Amino acid sequence: MQSKIAILFTFFIVFLMVSGCENEKFDKDKWASYEHLNGSDRSSMAEDLLKSRKLIGLSNRQMLQLLGPPENDTTETWYTLKLEFPFLSVDPESGKDLIIKFNKDSIITNAKIHEWHHN
């Protein structure tokens, strides 16, 4: 009985290790060359940034140096960066963006991934 538990525990640990390897660590150069990435790579890097909280507390200038300029929907208080790019679609049905919010001093206070779908 103990050997079965040991085997199950071992498989569980291996599963956790393998599933954890799927997320790609943030890489500034890869992020900047998004035309060579598929959406899941950039999404995975964004998830790494959110988990590590590397964005919170950065200034607008620091964010631009790290991630580059936003692609669309920008105001003084929030930026949107595309994570998934439907290259061949003029009017995509869905997408995924990284939304970054700033306070009045242009410091990042919040960041999240937003998945959207047209009906």
Protein backbone atom coordinates (compact mmCIF):
# COMPACT_ATOMS: atom_id res chain seq x y z
CA MET A 1 0.00 0.00 0.00
CA GLN A 2 2.81 2.41 0.88
CA SER A 3 4.51 1.75 -2.46
CA LYS A 4 1.32 2.74 -4.32
CA ILE A 5 1.17 5.98 -2.37
CA ALA A 6 4.84 6.63 -3.09
CA ILE A 7 4.29 6.03 -6.82
CA LEU A 8 1.25 8.34 -6.90
CA PHE A 9 3.16 11.00 -5.00
CA THR A 10 6.06 10.74 -7.45
CA PHE A 11 3.73 11.12 -10.45
CA PHE A 12 2.09 14.11 -8.79
CA ILE A 13 5.46 15.83 -8.24
CA VAL A 14 6.54 15.14 -11.83
CA PHE A 15 3.22 16.50 -13.11
CA LEU A 16 3.69 19.72 -11.12
CA MET A 17 7.23 20.13 -12.43
CA VAL A 18 6.20 19.58 -16.06
CA SER A 19 3.14 21.82 -15.89
CA GLY A 20 5.21 24.58 -14.30
CA CYS A 21 7.65 24.52 -17.20
CA GLU A 22 5.00 25.60 -19.68
CA ASN A 23 5.11 29.26 -18.60
CA GLU A 24 7.77 31.20 -20.39
CA LYS A 25 9.79 33.65 -18.34
CA PHE A 26 9.64 37.27 -19.43
CA ASP A 27 12.31 38.12 -22.01
CA LYS A 28 12.52 41.76 -23.13
CA ASP A 29 13.97 40.92 -26.55
CA LYS A 30 11.40 38.21 -27.30
CA TRP A 31 8.60 40.49 -26.12
CA ALA A 32 9.80 43.25 -28.46
CA SER A 33 9.93 40.91 -31.45
CA TYR A 34 6.30 39.84 -31.09
CA GLU A 35 5.93 39.35 -34.83
CA HIS A 36 7.96 36.16 -34.33
CA LEU A 37 5.93 35.00 -31.35
CA ASN A 38 2.66 33.26 -31.25
CA GLY A 39 0.15 34.67 -28.79
CA SER A 40 0.69 32.01 -26.17
CA ASP A 41 4.38 32.92 -25.77
CA ARG A 42 3.62 36.58 -25.09
CA SER A 43 0.67 35.63 -22.89
CA SER A 44 2.93 33.33 -20.89
CA MET A 45 5.52 36.07 -20.46
CA ALA A 46 2.78 38.47 -19.31
CA GLU A 47 1.66 35.90 -16.75
CA ASP A 48 5.25 35.70 -15.50
CA LEU A 49 5.35 39.49 -15.12
CA LEU A 50 2.07 39.47 -13.19
CA LYS A 51 3.10 36.62 -10.90
CA SER A 52 6.46 38.21 -10.12
CA ARG A 53 4.81 41.63 -9.64
CA LYS A 54 7.67 43.21 -11.60
CA LEU A 55 5.29 45.78 -13.10
CA ILE A 56 3.73 47.17 -9.93
CA GLY A 57 5.56 50.32 -8.84
CA LEU A 58 7.29 50.99 -12.16
CA SER A 59 7.02 54.44 -13.66
CA ASN A 60 5.54 55.06 -17.09
CA ARG A 61 9.06 55.57 -18.46
CA GLN A 62 10.33 52.32 -16.93
CA MET A 63 7.33 50.44 -18.34
CA LEU A 64 8.02 51.82 -21.82
CA GLN A 65 11.66 50.73 -21.57
CA LEU A 66 10.61 47.24 -20.50
CA LEU A 67 7.59 46.57 -22.74
CA GLY A 68 7.73 49.20 -25.47
CA PRO A 69 4.88 51.46 -26.51
CA PRO A 70 1.27 50.32 -26.28
CA GLU A 71 -0.42 49.20 -29.48
CA ASN A 72 -3.84 50.74 -28.84
CA ASP A 73 -6.37 52.11 -26.32
CA THR A 74 -4.04 54.37 -24.39
CA THR A 75 -4.89 57.14 -21.94
CA GLU A 76 -2.93 58.88 -19.20
CA THR A 77 -4.15 56.32 -16.67
CA TRP A 78 -4.00 53.01 -18.56
CA TYR A 79 -2.27 51.21 -21.44
CA THR A 80 -3.29 48.16 -23.41
CA LEU A 81 -0.67 45.83 -24.88
CA LYS A 82 -1.70 43.03 -27.23
CA LEU A 83 -0.85 39.49 -26.18
CA GLU A 84 -2.55 37.61 -29.00
CA PHE A 85 -2.57 39.02 -32.51
CA PRO A 86 -5.01 37.77 -35.11
CA PHE A 87 -2.82 38.77 -38.08
CA LEU A 88 -5.15 37.61 -40.83
CA SER A 89 -8.36 39.00 -39.40
CA VAL A 90 -9.59 42.55 -40.01
CA ASP A 91 -12.25 42.18 -37.31
CA PRO A 92 -11.06 39.47 -34.89
CA GLU A 93 -13.61 37.53 -32.87
CA SER A 94 -11.43 37.29 -29.79
CA GLY A 95 -8.13 38.38 -28.33
CA LYS A 96 -6.06 38.79 -25.21
CA ASP A 97 -4.52 42.00 -23.88
CA LEU A 98 -2.35 43.12 -20.99
CA ILE A 99 -4.00 46.11 -19.32
CA ILE A 100 -1.76 48.33 -17.20
CA LYS A 101 -3.20 51.02 -14.92
CA PHE A 102 -1.32 54.06 -13.63
CA ASN A 103 -1.98 56.44 -10.75
CA LYS A 104 -1.88 60.24 -11.06
CA ASP A 105 1.93 60.16 -10.66
CA SER A 106 2.30 57.76 -13.66
CA ILE A 107 3.24 54.80 -11.44
CA ILE A 108 1.80 51.36 -12.23
CA THR A 109 -0.74 50.38 -9.60
CA ASN A 110 -2.41 47.41 -11.29
CA ALA A 111 -1.97 45.08 -14.25
CA LYS A 112 -4.12 42.24 -15.53
CA ILE A 113 -4.73 40.05 -18.53
CA HIS A 114 -8.05 40.66 -20.25
CA GLU A 115 -9.51 38.08 -22.63
CA TRP A 116 -12.27 39.41 -24.90
CA HIS A 117 -14.76 37.94 -27.36
CA HIS A 118 -17.15 39.49 -29.87
CA ASN A 119 -20.60 37.96 -29.94
